[in-house]
Every structure is written in structure tokens, then in C-alpha cells.
Amino acid sequence: MYEYIEDRVLEVANYIVESGATVRQAAKKFGISKSTVHKDMSERLRYIDPNVAEQVREAVSYTHLRAHET
């Protein structure tokens, strides 16, 4: 995998974990498509850093649950 892709994946992942952002919010923040964010988080991240991948899964699940609490 190209280094610039790994860098992007980690940068987006850390943003999601720290801010609790949704895939849509992360895509807008980094100027990439939602499908790219989704592929980065669901496929690429687990090979780059499995620990961060788990943190992202937890953050996204929590964000998804929070959005439905109304």
C-alpha cells in the first residue's frame, strides 16, 4: 500500500476517534468521498493498525447509537 494512503487512513481514523465524527463528517473534513472513508476504515485500517481499527469501530458504533437516541 502506498505510504500516502496509509497516512490518510491513520489521519482520518484518529480524527474519527478523537472527535466522534461520522463517516460523512470525516469525508467532508478531508475532502474525500464517503465510500473512500468507509473503505479506509473497514478494510485498510485493520492491516495498518488493528488497535486503532477497534477504536474506530467503537467510536462509529457509539456515534451511530447516539444519533438514534431521540
Protein backbone atom coordinates (compact mmCIF):
# COMPACT_ATOMS: atom_id res chain seq x y z
CA MET A 1 0.00 0.00 0.00
CA TYR A 2 1.27 3.46 -0.82
CA GLU A 3 2.53 5.50 2.11
CA TYR A 4 0.22 8.44 1.35
CA ILE A 5 -2.79 6.12 1.62
CA GLU A 6 -1.60 4.77 4.96
CA ASP A 7 -1.05 8.34 6.18
CA ARG A 8 -4.57 9.35 5.10
CA VAL A 9 -6.15 6.28 6.70
CA LEU A 10 -4.46 6.96 10.04
CA GLU A 11 -5.24 10.68 9.93
CA VAL A 12 -8.94 10.07 9.25
CA ALA A 13 -9.09 7.28 11.84
CA ASN A 14 -7.58 9.47 14.54
CA TYR A 15 -9.99 12.26 13.64
CA ILE A 16 -12.97 9.93 13.99
CA VAL A 17 -11.75 8.55 17.33
CA GLU A 18 -10.92 11.98 18.79
CA SER A 19 -13.98 13.86 17.55
CA GLY A 20 -16.61 11.14 17.32
CA ALA A 21 -17.25 12.23 13.74
CA THR A 22 -19.43 10.26 11.38
CA VAL A 23 -18.19 8.89 8.06
CA ARG A 24 -19.97 11.77 6.32
CA GLN A 25 -18.35 14.38 8.57
CA ALA A 26 -14.90 12.84 8.12
CA ALA A 27 -15.33 12.75 4.34
CA LYS A 28 -16.26 16.42 4.28
CA LYS A 29 -13.40 17.40 6.60
CA PHE A 30 -10.77 15.64 4.46
CA GLY A 31 -12.30 16.33 1.06
CA ILE A 32 -12.73 12.67 0.12
CA SER A 33 -15.78 10.57 -0.68
CA LYS A 34 -17.83 8.73 1.93
CA SER A 35 -17.05 5.48 0.13
CA THR A 36 -13.30 6.17 0.46
CA VAL A 37 -13.67 6.80 4.19
CA HIS A 38 -15.74 3.64 4.55
CA LYS A 39 -13.21 1.51 2.64
CA ASP A 40 -10.32 3.05 4.56
CA MET A 41 -11.95 2.37 7.93
CA SER A 42 -13.49 -1.04 7.20
CA GLU A 43 -10.76 -2.64 5.07
CA ARG A 44 -7.43 -0.82 5.05
CA LEU A 45 -7.14 0.27 8.67
CA ARG A 46 -7.19 -3.24 10.13
CA TYR A 47 -3.99 -4.05 8.21
CA ILE A 48 -2.27 -0.79 9.14
CA ASP A 49 -3.16 -0.64 12.84
CA PRO A 50 -5.63 -3.17 14.29
CA ASN A 51 -5.80 -1.33 17.63
CA VAL A 52 -6.88 1.93 16.02
CA ALA A 53 -9.32 -0.04 13.85
CA GLU A 54 -11.04 -1.30 17.01
CA GLN A 55 -11.18 2.24 18.43
CA VAL A 56 -12.80 3.47 15.21
CA ARG A 57 -15.37 0.66 15.29
CA GLU A 58 -16.27 1.61 18.85
CA ALA A 59 -16.44 5.33 18.04
CA VAL A 60 -18.59 4.82 14.96
CA SER A 61 -20.92 2.44 16.81
CA TYR A 62 -21.29 4.94 19.64
CA THR A 63 -21.90 7.81 17.20
CA HIS A 64 -24.49 5.72 15.35
CA LEU A 65 -26.28 4.83 18.58
CA ARG A 66 -26.17 8.44 19.80
CA ALA A 67 -27.80 9.64 16.57
CA HIS A 68 -30.81 7.38 17.20
CA GLU A 69 -31.44 8.41 20.84
CA THR A 70 -34.15 10.98 20.12
